[in-house]
Amino acid sequence: MAGMLELDKELKVAEEFWDFIGGDGAYNDLLDCFERVGIEMRDEIDKYFLRFK
């Protein structure tokens, strides 16, 4: 990608991306939300993925 993009200005991934979009700490807040929902819906998620075994 070097030479094609200014990496520090045009390419953001994961924590850098979400904190840029949502402000400092947004990435960790997002991960926390996914974790809480995953724990709460564990049985339903497991049941859904059993269809693919």
C-alpha atoms as a PDB file:
ATOM      1  CA  MET A   1       0.000   0.000   0.000  1.00  0.00           C
ATOM      2  CA  ALA A   2       2.982   2.256   0.503  1.00  0.00           C
ATOM      3  CA  GLY A   3       3.130   4.749  -2.325  1.00  0.00           C
ATOM      4  CA  MET A   4      -0.546   4.319  -3.166  1.00  0.00           C
ATOM      5  CA  LEU A   5      -1.947   5.795   0.033  1.00  0.00           C
ATOM      6  CA  GLU A   6      -0.799   8.085   2.774  1.00  0.00           C
ATOM      7  CA  LEU A   7      -1.157   5.352   5.379  1.00  0.00           C
ATOM      8  CA  ASP A   8      -1.322   7.640   8.396  1.00  0.00           C
ATOM      9  CA  LYS A   9      -4.131   9.685   6.773  1.00  0.00           C
ATOM     10  CA  GLU A  10      -6.044   7.340   4.462  1.00  0.00           C
ATOM     11  CA  LEU A  11      -6.010   3.862   5.990  1.00  0.00           C
ATOM     12  CA  LYS A  12      -7.426   3.106   9.402  1.00  0.00           C
ATOM     13  CA  VAL A  13      -8.162  -0.383  10.733  1.00  0.00           C
ATOM     14  CA  ALA A  14      -9.723  -1.776  13.912  1.00  0.00           C
ATOM     15  CA  GLU A  15      -9.106   0.406  16.986  1.00  0.00           C
ATOM     16  CA  GLU A  16      -7.691   3.286  14.976  1.00  0.00           C
ATOM     17  CA  PHE A  17     -10.734   3.277  12.672  1.00  0.00           C
ATOM     18  CA  TRP A  18     -13.427   3.057  15.363  1.00  0.00           C
ATOM     19  CA  ASP A  19     -11.767   5.608  17.630  1.00  0.00           C
ATOM     20  CA  PHE A  20     -11.514   7.960  14.643  1.00  0.00           C
ATOM     21  CA  ILE A  21     -15.234   7.476  13.880  1.00  0.00           C
ATOM     22  CA  GLY A  22     -16.551   7.452  17.461  1.00  0.00           C
ATOM     23  CA  GLY A  23     -13.898   9.174  19.549  1.00  0.00           C
ATOM     24  CA  ASP A  24     -11.354   7.847  22.024  1.00  0.00           C
ATOM     25  CA  GLY A  25     -12.461   4.557  23.550  1.00  0.00           C
ATOM     26  CA  ALA A  26     -15.126   3.807  20.915  1.00  0.00           C
ATOM     27  CA  TYR A  27     -13.386   0.590  19.819  1.00  0.00           C
ATOM     28  CA  ASN A  28     -13.283  -0.803  23.350  1.00  0.00           C
ATOM     29  CA  ASP A  29     -16.913   0.233  23.918  1.00  0.00           C
ATOM     30  CA  LEU A  30     -17.892  -1.595  20.732  1.00  0.00           C
ATOM     31  CA  LEU A  31     -16.029  -4.743  21.777  1.00  0.00           C
ATOM     32  CA  ASP A  32     -17.737  -4.590  25.163  1.00  0.00           C
ATOM     33  CA  CYS A  33     -21.163  -4.369  23.513  1.00  0.00           C
ATOM     34  CA  PHE A  34     -20.448  -7.393  21.315  1.00  0.00           C
ATOM     35  CA  GLU A  35     -19.200  -9.363  24.316  1.00  0.00           C
ATOM     36  CA  ARG A  36     -22.281  -8.564  26.436  1.00  0.00           C
ATOM     37  CA  VAL A  37     -24.700  -9.435  23.619  1.00  0.00           C
ATOM     38  CA  GLY A  38     -22.737 -12.606  22.849  1.00  0.00           C
ATOM     39  CA  ILE A  39     -22.961 -13.745  26.462  1.00  0.00           C
ATOM     40  CA  GLU A  40     -26.670 -12.903  26.668  1.00  0.00           C
ATOM     41  CA  MET A  41     -27.517 -14.643  23.380  1.00  0.00           C
ATOM     42  CA  ARG A  42     -25.060 -17.550  23.661  1.00  0.00           C
ATOM     43  CA  ASP A  43     -27.697 -20.282  23.480  1.00  0.00           C
ATOM     44  CA  GLU A  44     -29.414 -18.749  20.461  1.00  0.00           C
ATOM     45  CA  ILE A  45     -26.091 -18.200  18.659  1.00  0.00           C
ATOM     46  CA  ASP A  46     -24.964 -21.788  19.346  1.00  0.00           C
ATOM     47  CA  LYS A  47     -28.318 -23.120  18.111  1.00  0.00           C
ATOM     48  CA  TYR A  48     -28.013 -21.093  14.906  1.00  0.00           C
ATOM     49  CA  PHE A  49     -24.516 -22.391  14.117  1.00  0.00           C
ATOM     50  CA  LEU A  50     -25.462 -26.020  14.799  1.00  0.00           C
ATOM     51  CA  ARG A  51     -27.277 -25.919  11.456  1.00  0.00           C
ATOM     52  CA  PHE A  52     -23.910 -25.780   9.673  1.00  0.00           C
ATOM     53  CA  LYS A  53     -22.276 -28.853  11.180  1.00  0.00           C
END
